[in-house]
Amino acid sequence: MIFDGPLCLVTREGARRLLEAVANGQLSFDVANYVADCIVMNDDFDFADEAVRDAIYFVEDDSGRFVAGEDDWRPTREETLAALAMLD
């Protein structure tokens, strides 16, 4: 995804929907991770506040797969729900 245009604001609602979809199994972590990575790597996205930034970075961080040495690694549902709670 390459976006070249006006600044896009990532809101609490948008971050909440992304995390809820992962926590509820409606969206695979790999897809959510890719979306979050695109947001983080693109200068045209900004975060509404630090909680939103932290939530997107939580989804973008797949370093656990390297630490665990498992290609199929993903955060637990409990970890995802804890990140989601930070948006409340």
N, C-alpha and C. Protein backbone atom coordinates (compact mmCIF):
# COMPACT_ATOMS: atom_id res chain seq x y z
N MET A 1 0.85 -1.16 0.00
CA MET A 1 0.00 0.00 0.00
C MET A 1 0.90 1.22 0.00
N ILE A 2 0.76 2.03 -0.97
CA ILE A 2 1.52 3.28 -1.04
C ILE A 2 0.50 4.40 -1.11
N PHE A 3 0.60 5.31 -0.21
CA PHE A 3 -0.33 6.42 -0.15
C PHE A 3 0.47 7.68 -0.29
N ASP A 4 0.16 8.46 -1.26
CA ASP A 4 0.87 9.71 -1.46
C ASP A 4 -0.18 10.80 -1.58
N GLY A 5 -0.43 11.44 -0.50
CA GLY A 5 -1.45 12.47 -0.53
C GLY A 5 -1.53 13.17 0.80
N PRO A 6 -2.73 13.62 1.15
CA PRO A 6 -2.88 14.36 2.39
C PRO A 6 -2.65 13.45 3.60
N LEU A 7 -2.31 14.08 4.70
CA LEU A 7 -2.08 13.37 5.95
C LEU A 7 -3.36 12.64 6.37
N CYS A 8 -3.23 11.39 6.75
CA CYS A 8 -4.35 10.59 7.25
C CYS A 8 -4.16 10.38 8.73
N LEU A 9 -5.18 10.65 9.50
CA LEU A 9 -5.12 10.50 10.94
C LEU A 9 -5.65 9.13 11.33
N VAL A 10 -4.85 8.37 12.06
CA VAL A 10 -5.29 7.08 12.60
C VAL A 10 -5.94 7.39 13.94
N THR A 11 -7.22 7.07 14.06
CA THR A 11 -8.00 7.41 15.24
C THR A 11 -8.06 6.25 16.23
N ARG A 12 -8.54 6.54 17.42
CA ARG A 12 -8.76 5.48 18.41
C ARG A 12 -9.74 4.45 17.87
N GLU A 13 -10.79 4.92 17.22
CA GLU A 13 -11.79 3.98 16.67
C GLU A 13 -11.16 3.06 15.63
N GLY A 14 -10.33 3.60 14.77
CA GLY A 14 -9.67 2.78 13.76
C GLY A 14 -8.73 1.76 14.38
N ALA A 15 -7.93 2.19 15.35
CA ALA A 15 -7.02 1.27 16.03
C ALA A 15 -7.81 0.22 16.80
N ARG A 16 -8.90 0.64 17.45
CA ARG A 16 -9.74 -0.29 18.21
C ARG A 16 -10.33 -1.35 17.28
N ARG A 17 -10.82 -0.94 16.13
CA ARG A 17 -11.41 -1.91 15.19
C ARG A 17 -10.37 -2.91 14.70
N LEU A 18 -9.15 -2.46 14.46
CA LEU A 18 -8.08 -3.36 14.02
C LEU A 18 -7.76 -4.39 15.10
N LEU A 19 -7.58 -3.93 16.34
CA LEU A 19 -7.27 -4.84 17.44
C LEU A 19 -8.43 -5.78 17.75
N GLU A 20 -9.66 -5.27 17.70
CA GLU A 20 -10.82 -6.13 17.95
C GLU A 20 -10.92 -7.23 16.90
N ALA A 21 -10.67 -6.88 15.66
CA ALA A 21 -10.74 -7.88 14.58
C ALA A 21 -9.71 -8.98 14.78
N VAL A 22 -8.52 -8.62 15.25
CA VAL A 22 -7.49 -9.62 15.53
C VAL A 22 -7.90 -10.46 16.73
N ALA A 23 -8.33 -9.81 17.81
CA ALA A 23 -8.70 -10.52 19.04
C ALA A 23 -9.85 -11.48 18.82
N ASN A 24 -10.79 -11.10 17.95
CA ASN A 24 -11.97 -11.93 17.70
C ASN A 24 -11.80 -12.92 16.56
N GLY A 25 -10.61 -12.95 15.97
CA GLY A 25 -10.35 -13.90 14.89
C GLY A 25 -10.99 -13.54 13.56
N GLN A 26 -11.44 -12.30 13.42
CA GLN A 26 -12.04 -11.85 12.16
C GLN A 26 -10.98 -11.45 11.14
N LEU A 27 -9.78 -11.18 11.62
CA LEU A 27 -8.67 -10.78 10.77
C LEU A 27 -7.42 -11.48 11.28
N SER A 28 -6.71 -12.12 10.39
CA SER A 28 -5.50 -12.83 10.82
C SER A 28 -4.46 -11.82 11.29
N PHE A 29 -3.62 -12.26 12.20
CA PHE A 29 -2.56 -11.38 12.69
C PHE A 29 -1.63 -10.98 11.55
N ASP A 30 -1.35 -11.90 10.63
CA ASP A 30 -0.44 -11.59 9.53
C ASP A 30 -0.96 -10.43 8.68
N VAL A 31 -2.26 -10.42 8.41
CA VAL A 31 -2.85 -9.33 7.62
C VAL A 31 -2.82 -8.03 8.41
N ALA A 32 -3.22 -8.10 9.68
CA ALA A 32 -3.21 -6.90 10.52
C ALA A 32 -1.80 -6.36 10.68
N ASN A 33 -0.83 -7.26 10.81
CA ASN A 33 0.57 -6.87 10.93
C ASN A 33 1.03 -6.13 9.68
N TYR A 34 0.62 -6.62 8.51
CA TYR A 34 1.00 -5.97 7.25
C TYR A 34 0.39 -4.57 7.16
N VAL A 35 -0.88 -4.45 7.53
CA VAL A 35 -1.56 -3.15 7.50
C VAL A 35 -0.86 -2.18 8.45
N ALA A 36 -0.59 -2.64 9.67
CA ALA A 36 0.07 -1.78 10.65
C ALA A 36 1.47 -1.39 10.19
N ASP A 37 2.17 -2.31 9.56
CA ASP A 37 3.51 -2.01 9.05
C ASP A 37 3.44 -0.92 7.98
N CYS A 38 2.45 -0.99 7.12
CA CYS A 38 2.27 0.04 6.08
C CYS A 38 2.01 1.40 6.71
N ILE A 39 1.21 1.43 7.77
CA ILE A 39 0.91 2.69 8.46
C ILE A 39 2.18 3.26 9.09
N VAL A 40 2.92 2.42 9.78
CA VAL A 40 4.13 2.86 10.48
C VAL A 40 5.19 3.36 9.50
N MET A 41 5.33 2.68 8.38
CA MET A 41 6.40 3.00 7.43
C MET A 41 6.06 4.17 6.49
N ASN A 42 4.84 4.67 6.55
CA ASN A 42 4.41 5.72 5.63
C ASN A 42 4.34 7.06 6.36
N ASP A 43 4.95 8.06 5.79
CA ASP A 43 4.96 9.39 6.40
C ASP A 43 3.63 10.13 6.32
N ASP A 44 2.68 9.60 5.57
CA ASP A 44 1.40 10.28 5.39
C ASP A 44 0.36 9.89 6.43
N PHE A 45 0.75 9.07 7.40
CA PHE A 45 -0.15 8.69 8.49
C PHE A 45 0.34 9.33 9.78
N ASP A 46 -0.60 9.80 10.57
CA ASP A 46 -0.28 10.35 11.88
C ASP A 46 -1.23 9.70 12.88
N PHE A 47 -0.87 9.72 14.14
CA PHE A 47 -1.66 9.07 15.18
C PHE A 47 -2.38 10.12 16.01
N ALA A 48 -3.63 9.84 16.36
CA ALA A 48 -4.43 10.79 17.13
C ALA A 48 -3.80 11.08 18.49
N ASP A 49 -3.18 10.07 19.09
CA ASP A 49 -2.51 10.26 20.38
C ASP A 49 -1.55 9.09 20.62
N GLU A 50 -0.89 9.10 21.75
CA GLU A 50 0.12 8.07 22.04
C GLU A 50 -0.50 6.68 22.19
N ALA A 51 -1.71 6.60 22.73
CA ALA A 51 -2.36 5.29 22.88
C ALA A 51 -2.62 4.66 21.52
N VAL A 52 -3.02 5.46 20.55
CA VAL A 52 -3.24 4.97 19.19
C VAL A 52 -1.92 4.52 18.59
N ARG A 53 -0.90 5.34 18.75
CA ARG A 53 0.42 4.96 18.24
C ARG A 53 0.88 3.64 18.84
N ASP A 54 0.74 3.50 20.15
CA ASP A 54 1.16 2.27 20.82
C ASP A 54 0.37 1.06 20.34
N ALA A 55 -0.92 1.22 20.09
CA ALA A 55 -1.75 0.12 19.61
C ALA A 55 -1.31 -0.33 18.22
N ILE A 56 -1.05 0.62 17.34
CA ILE A 56 -0.61 0.27 15.99
C ILE A 56 0.78 -0.37 16.03
N TYR A 57 1.66 0.16 16.86
CA TYR A 57 2.99 -0.45 16.99
C TYR A 57 2.91 -1.84 17.59
N PHE A 58 1.94 -2.09 18.47
CA PHE A 58 1.75 -3.44 19.02
C PHE A 58 1.45 -4.42 17.89
N VAL A 59 0.54 -4.05 17.01
CA VAL A 59 0.17 -4.94 15.89
C VAL A 59 1.32 -5.04 14.89
N GLU A 60 2.06 -3.97 14.72
CA GLU A 60 3.16 -3.96 13.74
C GLU A 60 4.36 -4.80 14.21
N ASP A 61 4.49 -4.97 15.52
CA ASP A 61 5.66 -5.66 16.08
C ASP A 61 5.50 -7.18 15.99
N ASP A 62 6.20 -7.77 15.05
CA ASP A 62 6.16 -9.24 14.92
C ASP A 62 7.51 -9.85 15.29
N SER A 63 8.28 -9.14 16.12
CA SER A 63 9.60 -9.64 16.51
C SER A 63 9.51 -10.93 17.32
N GLY A 64 8.35 -11.20 17.89
CA GLY A 64 8.17 -12.44 18.65
C GLY A 64 8.40 -13.68 17.81
N ARG A 65 8.14 -13.58 16.51
CA ARG A 65 8.37 -14.75 15.65
C ARG A 65 9.85 -15.06 15.52
N PHE A 66 10.70 -14.05 15.68
CA PHE A 66 12.14 -14.28 15.63
C PHE A 66 12.66 -14.76 16.98
N VAL A 67 12.11 -14.21 18.05
CA VAL A 67 12.51 -14.62 19.39
C VAL A 67 12.11 -16.07 19.64
N ALA A 68 10.88 -16.42 19.27
CA ALA A 68 10.37 -17.77 19.48
C ALA A 68 10.87 -18.75 18.42
N GLY A 69 11.34 -18.20 17.30
CA GLY A 69 11.80 -19.06 16.21
C GLY A 69 10.66 -19.79 15.52
N GLU A 70 9.47 -19.18 15.55
CA GLU A 70 8.29 -19.80 14.95
C GLU A 70 7.72 -18.86 13.88
N ASP A 71 7.60 -19.36 12.66
CA ASP A 71 7.03 -18.55 11.59
C ASP A 71 5.55 -18.25 11.82
N ASP A 72 4.87 -19.11 12.58
CA ASP A 72 3.43 -18.96 12.81
C ASP A 72 3.13 -18.21 14.11
N TRP A 73 4.13 -17.52 14.68
CA TRP A 73 3.94 -16.82 15.95
C TRP A 73 2.95 -15.68 15.78
N ARG A 74 2.20 -15.42 16.83
CA ARG A 74 1.32 -14.25 16.92
C ARG A 74 1.10 -13.95 18.39
N PRO A 75 0.76 -12.72 18.74
CA PRO A 75 0.48 -12.43 20.15
C PRO A 75 -0.74 -13.22 20.61
N THR A 76 -0.79 -13.51 21.89
CA THR A 76 -1.95 -14.23 22.42
C THR A 76 -3.17 -13.32 22.41
N ARG A 77 -4.33 -13.93 22.53
CA ARG A 77 -5.56 -13.14 22.61
C ARG A 77 -5.51 -12.22 23.82
N GLU A 78 -4.97 -12.73 24.93
CA GLU A 78 -4.87 -11.93 26.15
C GLU A 78 -3.97 -10.71 25.94
N GLU A 79 -2.86 -10.89 25.24
CA GLU A 79 -1.97 -9.76 24.95
C GLU A 79 -2.67 -8.74 24.05
N THR A 80 -3.42 -9.24 23.09
CA THR A 80 -4.15 -8.34 22.19
C THR A 80 -5.24 -7.59 22.94
N LEU A 81 -5.95 -8.27 23.83
CA LEU A 81 -6.99 -7.61 24.63
C LEU A 81 -6.37 -6.57 25.58
N ALA A 82 -5.18 -6.85 26.11
CA ALA A 82 -4.50 -5.88 26.97
C ALA A 82 -4.13 -4.63 26.17
N ALA A 83 -3.66 -4.81 24.95
CA ALA A 83 -3.34 -3.66 24.09
C ALA A 83 -4.61 -2.89 23.75
N LEU A 84 -5.69 -3.60 23.53
CA LEU A 84 -6.98 -2.98 23.23
C LEU A 84 -7.47 -2.15 24.42
N ALA A 85 -7.28 -2.66 25.63
CA ALA A 85 -7.72 -1.95 26.83
C ALA A 85 -6.99 -0.62 27.00
N MET A 86 -5.80 -0.51 26.45
CA MET A 86 -5.05 0.75 26.56
C MET A 86 -5.71 1.88 25.76
N LEU A 87 -6.65 1.53 24.88
CA LEU A 87 -7.35 2.54 24.09
C LEU A 87 -8.58 3.08 24.81
N ASP A 88 -8.93 2.49 25.94
CA ASP A 88 -10.12 2.94 26.69
C ASP A 88 -9.80 4.11 27.59
